[in-house]
PDB file of N, CA and C in Angstrom:
ATOM      1  N   UNK A   1       0.874  -1.205  -0.008  1.00  0.00           N
ATOM      2  CA  UNK A   1      -0.018   0.007   0.005  1.00  0.00           C
ATOM      3  C   UNK A   1       0.813   1.222   0.040  1.00  0.00           C
ATOM      4  N   UNK A   2       0.530   2.241  -0.700  1.00  0.00           N
ATOM      5  CA  UNK A   2       1.142   3.500  -0.691  1.00  0.00           C
ATOM      6  C   UNK A   2       0.217   4.565  -0.354  1.00  0.00           C
ATOM      7  N   UNK A   3       0.685   5.528   0.338  1.00  0.00           N
ATOM      8  CA  UNK A   3      -0.226   6.757   0.677  1.00  0.00           C
ATOM      9  C   UNK A   3       0.333   7.942  -0.106  1.00  0.00           C
ATOM     10  N   UNK A   4      -0.553   8.542  -0.800  1.00  0.00           N
ATOM     11  CA  UNK A   4      -0.127   9.653  -1.654  1.00  0.00           C
ATOM     12  C   UNK A   4      -1.087  10.829  -1.464  1.00  0.00           C
ATOM     13  N   UNK A   5      -0.598  11.999  -1.547  1.00  0.00           N
ATOM     14  CA  UNK A   5      -1.302  13.164  -1.433  1.00  0.00           C
ATOM     15  C   UNK A   5      -1.537  13.742  -2.820  1.00  0.00           C
ATOM     16  N   UNK A   6      -2.660  13.807  -3.291  1.00  0.00           N
ATOM     17  CA  UNK A   6      -2.975  14.324  -4.662  1.00  0.00           C
ATOM     18  C   UNK A   6      -3.003  15.707  -4.649  1.00  0.00           C
ATOM     19  N   UNK A   7      -3.150  16.346  -5.860  1.00  0.00           N
ATOM     20  CA  UNK A   7      -3.109  17.812  -5.997  1.00  0.00           C
ATOM     21  C   UNK A   7      -4.410  18.466  -5.381  1.00  0.00           C
ATOM     22  N   UNK A   8      -5.448  17.730  -5.084  1.00  0.00           N
ATOM     23  CA  UNK A   8      -6.583  18.187  -4.525  1.00  0.00           C
ATOM     24  C   UNK A   8      -6.582  18.115  -2.968  1.00  0.00           C
ATOM     25  N   UNK A   9      -5.372  17.843  -2.390  1.00  0.00           N
ATOM     26  CA  UNK A   9      -5.210  17.729  -0.978  1.00  0.00           C
ATOM     27  C   UNK A   9      -6.090  16.609  -0.346  1.00  0.00           C
ATOM     28  N   UNK A  10      -6.311  15.554  -1.168  1.00  0.00           N
ATOM     29  CA  UNK A  10      -7.105  14.460  -0.689  1.00  0.00           C
ATOM     30  C   UNK A  10      -5.999  13.293  -0.532  1.00  0.00           C
ATOM     31  N   UNK A  11      -6.094  12.693   0.774  1.00  0.00           N
ATOM     32  CA  UNK A  11      -5.229  11.564   0.988  1.00  0.00           C
ATOM     33  C   UNK A  11      -5.736  10.324   0.240  1.00  0.00           C
ATOM     34  N   UNK A  12      -4.945   9.643  -0.550  1.00  0.00           N
ATOM     35  CA  UNK A  12      -5.335   8.555  -1.323  1.00  0.00           C
ATOM     36  C   UNK A  12      -4.476   7.381  -0.930  1.00  0.00           C
ATOM     37  N   UNK A  13      -5.021   6.243  -0.671  1.00  0.00           N
ATOM     38  CA  UNK A  13      -4.292   5.048  -0.409  1.00  0.00           C
ATOM     39  C   UNK A  13      -4.589   4.104  -1.562  1.00  0.00           C
ATOM     40  N   UNK A  14      -3.420   3.788  -2.332  1.00  0.00           N
ATOM     41  CA  UNK A  14      -3.599   2.923  -3.393  1.00  0.00           C
ATOM     42  C   UNK A  14      -3.116   1.461  -2.943  1.00  0.00           C
ATOM     43  N   UNK A  15      -3.869   0.420  -3.503  1.00  0.00           N
ATOM     44  CA  UNK A  15      -3.518  -0.941  -3.176  1.00  0.00           C
ATOM     45  C   UNK A  15      -3.727  -1.810  -4.266  1.00  0.00           C
ATOM     46  N   UNK A  16      -3.209  -3.101  -4.208  1.00  0.00           N
ATOM     47  CA  UNK A  16      -3.507  -4.139  -5.070  1.00  0.00           C
ATOM     48  C   UNK A  16      -4.191  -5.230  -4.340  1.00  0.00           C
ATOM     49  N   UNK A  17      -5.088  -5.965  -5.047  1.00  0.00           N
ATOM     50  CA  UNK A  17      -5.867  -7.055  -4.432  1.00  0.00           C
ATOM     51  C   UNK A  17      -5.473  -8.355  -5.072  1.00  0.00           C
ATOM     52  N   UNK A  18      -4.490  -9.051  -4.506  1.00  0.00           N
ATOM     53  CA  UNK A  18      -3.937 -10.402  -5.011  1.00  0.00           C
ATOM     54  C   UNK A  18      -4.890 -11.405  -4.359  1.00  0.00           C
ATOM     55  N   UNK A  19      -4.973 -12.534  -5.118  1.00  0.00           N
ATOM     56  CA  UNK A  19      -5.859 -13.622  -4.635  1.00  0.00           C
ATOM     57  C   UNK A  19      -7.232 -13.122  -4.083  1.00  0.00           C
ATOM     58  N   UNK A  20      -7.892 -12.424  -4.976  1.00  0.00           N
ATOM     59  CA  UNK A  20      -9.083 -11.676  -4.485  1.00  0.00           C
ATOM     60  C   UNK A  20     -10.206 -12.456  -3.970  1.00  0.00           C
ATOM     61  N   UNK A  21     -10.381 -13.678  -4.390  1.00  0.00           N
ATOM     62  CA  UNK A  21     -11.631 -14.402  -3.947  1.00  0.00           C
ATOM     63  C   UNK A  21     -12.874 -13.701  -4.510  1.00  0.00           C
ATOM     64  N   UNK A  22     -13.760 -13.494  -3.537  1.00  0.00           N
ATOM     65  CA  UNK A  22     -14.980 -12.804  -3.895  1.00  0.00           C
ATOM     66  C   UNK A  22     -15.025 -11.372  -3.421  1.00  0.00           C
ATOM     67  N   UNK A  23     -13.884 -10.840  -2.948  1.00  0.00           N
ATOM     68  CA  UNK A  23     -13.790  -9.492  -2.613  1.00  0.00           C
ATOM     69  C   UNK A  23     -14.071  -9.036  -1.169  1.00  0.00           C
ATOM     70  N   UNK A  24     -14.114 -10.025  -0.232  1.00  0.00           N
ATOM     71  CA  UNK A  24     -14.322  -9.720   1.171  1.00  0.00           C
ATOM     72  C   UNK A  24     -13.225  -8.830   1.795  1.00  0.00           C
ATOM     73  N   UNK A  25     -12.019  -9.247   1.599  1.00  0.00           N
ATOM     74  CA  UNK A  25     -10.858  -8.494   2.207  1.00  0.00           C
ATOM     75  C   UNK A  25     -10.889  -7.178   1.683  1.00  0.00           C
ATOM     76  N   UNK A  26     -11.058  -6.993   0.281  1.00  0.00           N
ATOM     77  CA  UNK A  26     -11.180  -5.591  -0.261  1.00  0.00           C
ATOM     78  C   UNK A  26     -12.153  -4.729   0.237  1.00  0.00           C
ATOM     79  N   UNK A  27     -13.407  -5.326   0.452  1.00  0.00           N
ATOM     80  CA  UNK A  27     -14.514  -4.520   0.933  1.00  0.00           C
ATOM     81  C   UNK A  27     -14.221  -4.011   2.468  1.00  0.00           C
ATOM     82  N   UNK A  28     -13.653  -5.012   3.199  1.00  0.00           N
ATOM     83  CA  UNK A  28     -13.208  -4.541   4.581  1.00  0.00           C
ATOM     84  C   UNK A  28     -12.072  -3.515   4.586  1.00  0.00           C
ATOM     85  N   UNK A  29     -11.092  -3.723   3.704  1.00  0.00           N
ATOM     86  CA  UNK A  29     -10.037  -2.782   3.636  1.00  0.00           C
ATOM     87  C   UNK A  29     -10.529  -1.383   3.241  1.00  0.00           C
ATOM     88  N   UNK A  30     -11.404  -1.379   2.260  1.00  0.00           N
ATOM     89  CA  UNK A  30     -11.880  -0.086   1.709  1.00  0.00           C
ATOM     90  C   UNK A  30     -12.778   0.626   2.788  1.00  0.00           C
ATOM     91  N   UNK A  31     -13.507  -0.043   3.441  1.00  0.00           N
ATOM     92  CA  UNK A  31     -14.431   0.449   4.463  1.00  0.00           C
ATOM     93  C   UNK A  31     -13.505   1.048   5.595  1.00  0.00           C
ATOM     94  N   UNK A  32     -12.495   0.347   6.072  1.00  0.00           N
ATOM     95  CA  UNK A  32     -11.606   0.865   7.057  1.00  0.00           C
ATOM     96  C   UNK A  32     -10.881   2.077   6.649  1.00  0.00           C
ATOM     97  N   UNK A  33     -10.359   2.084   5.369  1.00  0.00           N
ATOM     98  CA  UNK A  33      -9.709   3.296   4.796  1.00  0.00           C
ATOM     99  C   UNK A  33     -10.649   4.530   4.785  1.00  0.00           C
ATOM    100  N   UNK A  34     -11.860   4.344   4.387  1.00  0.00           N
ATOM    101  CA  UNK A  34     -12.811   5.387   4.329  1.00  0.00           C
ATOM    102  C   UNK A  34     -13.169   5.946   5.733  1.00  0.00           C
ATOM    103  N   UNK A  35     -13.287   5.017   6.725  1.00  0.00           N
ATOM    104  CA  UNK A  35     -13.613   5.420   8.153  1.00  0.00           C
ATOM    105  C   UNK A  35     -12.488   6.205   8.712  1.00  0.00           C
ATOM    106  N   UNK A  36     -11.294   6.052   8.253  1.00  0.00           N
ATOM    107  CA  UNK A  36     -10.093   6.797   8.751  1.00  0.00           C
ATOM    108  C   UNK A  36      -9.943   8.198   7.971  1.00  0.00           C
ATOM    109  N   UNK A  37     -10.910   8.400   7.023  1.00  0.00           N
ATOM    110  CA  UNK A  37     -10.855   9.712   6.419  1.00  0.00           C
ATOM    111  C   UNK A  37     -10.007   9.691   5.094  1.00  0.00           C
ATOM    112  N   UNK A  38      -9.634   8.457   4.575  1.00  0.00           N
ATOM    113  CA  UNK A  38      -8.870   8.499   3.368  1.00  0.00           C
ATOM    114  C   UNK A  38      -9.624   8.089   2.200  1.00  0.00           C
ATOM    115  N   UNK A  39      -9.114   8.151   1.030  1.00  0.00           N
ATOM    116  CA  UNK A  39      -9.789   7.702  -0.182  1.00  0.00           C
ATOM    117  C   UNK A  39      -9.031   6.470  -0.659  1.00  0.00           C
ATOM    118  N   UNK A  40      -9.655   5.412  -1.032  1.00  0.00           N
ATOM    119  CA  UNK A  40      -9.000   4.206  -1.441  1.00  0.00           C
ATOM    120  C   UNK A  40      -9.053   4.100  -3.041  1.00  0.00           C
ATOM    121  N   UNK A  41      -8.002   3.473  -3.520  1.00  0.00           N
ATOM    122  CA  UNK A  41      -7.991   3.178  -4.991  1.00  0.00           C
ATOM    123  C   UNK A  41      -7.341   1.789  -5.288  1.00  0.00           C
ATOM    124  N   UNK A  42      -8.109   0.809  -5.665  1.00  0.00           N
ATOM    125  CA  UNK A  42      -7.550  -0.453  -6.006  1.00  0.00           C
ATOM    126  C   UNK A  42      -6.973  -0.380  -7.437  1.00  0.00           C
ATOM    127  N   UNK A  43      -5.730  -0.480  -7.618  1.00  0.00           N
ATOM    128  CA  UNK A  43      -5.173  -0.264  -8.910  1.00  0.00           C
ATOM    129  C   UNK A  43      -4.895  -1.680  -9.740  1.00  0.00           C
ATOM    130  N   UNK A  44      -5.116  -2.805  -9.011  1.00  0.00           N
ATOM    131  CA  UNK A  44      -4.995  -4.107  -9.672  1.00  0.00           C
ATOM    132  C   UNK A  44      -5.649  -5.114  -8.810  1.00  0.00           C
ATOM    133  N   UNK A  45      -6.397  -6.083  -9.562  1.00  0.00           N
ATOM    134  CA  UNK A  45      -7.164  -7.121  -8.811  1.00  0.00           C
ATOM    135  C   UNK A  45      -6.658  -8.357  -9.609  1.00  0.00           C
ATOM    136  N   UNK A  46      -6.362  -9.474  -8.824  1.00  0.00           N
ATOM    137  CA  UNK A  46      -6.002 -10.741  -9.476  1.00  0.00           C
ATOM    138  C   UNK A  46      -6.717 -11.903  -8.906  1.00  0.00           C
ATOM    139  N   UNK A  47      -7.391 -12.685  -9.728  1.00  0.00           N
ATOM    140  CA  UNK A  47      -8.104 -13.932  -9.282  1.00  0.00           C
ATOM    141  C   UNK A  47      -8.101 -14.789 -10.504  1.00  0.00           C
ATOM    142  N   UNK A  48      -7.906 -16.174 -10.224  1.00  0.00           N
ATOM    143  CA  UNK A  48      -7.872 -17.126 -11.447  1.00  0.00           C
ATOM    144  C   UNK A  48      -9.011 -18.073 -11.361  1.00  0.00           C
ATOM    145  N   UNK A  49      -9.779 -18.166 -10.310  1.00  0.00           N
ATOM    146  CA  UNK A  49     -10.911 -19.166 -10.378  1.00  0.00           C
ATOM    147  C   UNK A  49     -12.092 -18.536 -10.994  1.00  0.00           C
ATOM    148  N   UNK A  50     -12.665 -19.065 -12.053  1.00  0.00           N
ATOM    149  CA  UNK A  50     -13.803 -18.516 -12.879  1.00  0.00           C
ATOM    150  C   UNK A  50     -15.018 -18.207 -12.083  1.00  0.00           C
ATOM    151  N   UNK A  51     -15.327 -19.070 -11.061  1.00  0.00           N
ATOM    152  CA  UNK A  51     -16.557 -18.779 -10.275  1.00  0.00           C
ATOM    153  C   UNK A  51     -16.312 -17.473  -9.370  1.00  0.00           C
ATOM    154  N   UNK A  52     -15.131 -17.469  -8.775  1.00  0.00           N
ATOM    155  CA  UNK A  52     -14.747 -16.316  -7.999  1.00  0.00           C
ATOM    156  C   UNK A  52     -14.729 -15.010  -8.847  1.00  0.00           C
ATOM    157  N   UNK A  53     -14.246 -15.058 -10.088  1.00  0.00           N
ATOM    158  CA  UNK A  53     -14.186 -13.892 -10.941  1.00  0.00           C
ATOM    159  C   UNK A  53     -15.575 -13.437 -11.252  1.00  0.00           C
ATOM    160  N   UNK A  54     -16.549 -14.296 -11.433  1.00  0.00           N
ATOM    161  CA  UNK A  54     -17.814 -13.922 -11.703  1.00  0.00           C
ATOM    162  C   UNK A  54     -18.533 -13.113 -10.527  1.00  0.00           C
ATOM    163  N   UNK A  55     -18.306 -13.736  -9.350  1.00  0.00           N
ATOM    164  CA  UNK A  55     -18.939 -13.125  -8.188  1.00  0.00           C
ATOM    165  C   UNK A  55     -18.134 -11.760  -7.869  1.00  0.00           C
ATOM    166  N   UNK A  56     -16.784 -11.829  -8.041  1.00  0.00           N
ATOM    167  CA  UNK A  56     -15.982 -10.605  -7.787  1.00  0.00           C
ATOM    168  C   UNK A  56     -16.547  -9.415  -8.645  1.00  0.00           C
ATOM    169  N   UNK A  57     -16.770  -9.694  -9.907  1.00  0.00           N
ATOM    170  CA  UNK A  57     -17.161  -8.690 -10.825  1.00  0.00           C
ATOM    171  C   UNK A  57     -18.488  -8.088 -10.404  1.00  0.00           C
ATOM    172  N   UNK A  58     -19.394  -8.803  -9.792  1.00  0.00           N
ATOM    173  CA  UNK A  58     -20.576  -8.362  -9.238  1.00  0.00           C
ATOM    174  C   UNK A  58     -20.366  -7.553  -8.074  1.00  0.00           C
ATOM    175  N   UNK A  59     -19.583  -8.010  -7.099  1.00  0.00           N
ATOM    176  CA  UNK A  59     -19.323  -7.336  -5.871  1.00  0.00           C
ATOM    177  C   UNK A  59     -18.613  -5.937  -6.143  1.00  0.00           C
ATOM    178  N   UNK A  60     -17.588  -5.867  -6.947  1.00  0.00           N
ATOM    179  CA  UNK A  60     -16.891  -4.702  -7.419  1.00  0.00           C
ATOM    180  C   UNK A  60     -17.911  -3.670  -8.056  1.00  0.00           C
ATOM    181  N   UNK A  61     -18.790  -4.147  -8.833  1.00  0.00           N
ATOM    182  CA  UNK A  61     -19.833  -3.374  -9.420  1.00  0.00           C
ATOM    183  C   UNK A  61     -20.702  -2.601  -8.363  1.00  0.00           C
ATOM    184  N   UNK A  62     -21.062  -3.477  -7.330  1.00  0.00           N
ATOM    185  CA  UNK A  62     -21.887  -2.888  -6.259  1.00  0.00           C
ATOM    186  C   UNK A  62     -21.063  -1.869  -5.447  1.00  0.00           C
ATOM    187  N   UNK A  63     -19.833  -2.076  -5.275  1.00  0.00           N
ATOM    188  CA  UNK A  63     -18.971  -1.170  -4.461  1.00  0.00           C
ATOM    189  C   UNK A  63     -18.609   0.013  -5.288  1.00  0.00           C
ATOM    190  N   UNK A  64     -18.173  -0.044  -6.537  1.00  0.00           N
ATOM    191  CA  UNK A  64     -17.703   1.077  -7.320  1.00  0.00           C
ATOM    192  C   UNK A  64     -18.866   1.703  -7.947  1.00  0.00           C
ATOM    193  N   UNK A  65     -19.912   0.915  -8.393  1.00  0.00           N
ATOM    194  CA  UNK A  65     -20.948   1.531  -9.119  1.00  0.00           C
ATOM    195  C   UNK A  65     -21.969   2.340  -8.311  1.00  0.00           C
ATOM    196  N   UNK A  66     -21.877   2.135  -6.962  1.00  0.00           N
ATOM    197  CA  UNK A  66     -22.823   2.991  -6.113  1.00  0.00           C
ATOM    198  C   UNK A  66     -22.281   4.265  -5.613  1.00  0.00           C
TER     199      UNK A  66
END
């Protein structure tokens, strides 16, 4: 994880999501980051299991799309 201050004075924490599964760890991490007053940005997600990928796509849509 890296912490970066953008030009808009917003603290951004960028991270990668390896072995993503269905996105539970990512959801918890992003929730904790936001509770601490930071903005999160997942810059890479990796998963190889087809079923997990289909569920993960739906979960990320719910998180990012809302």
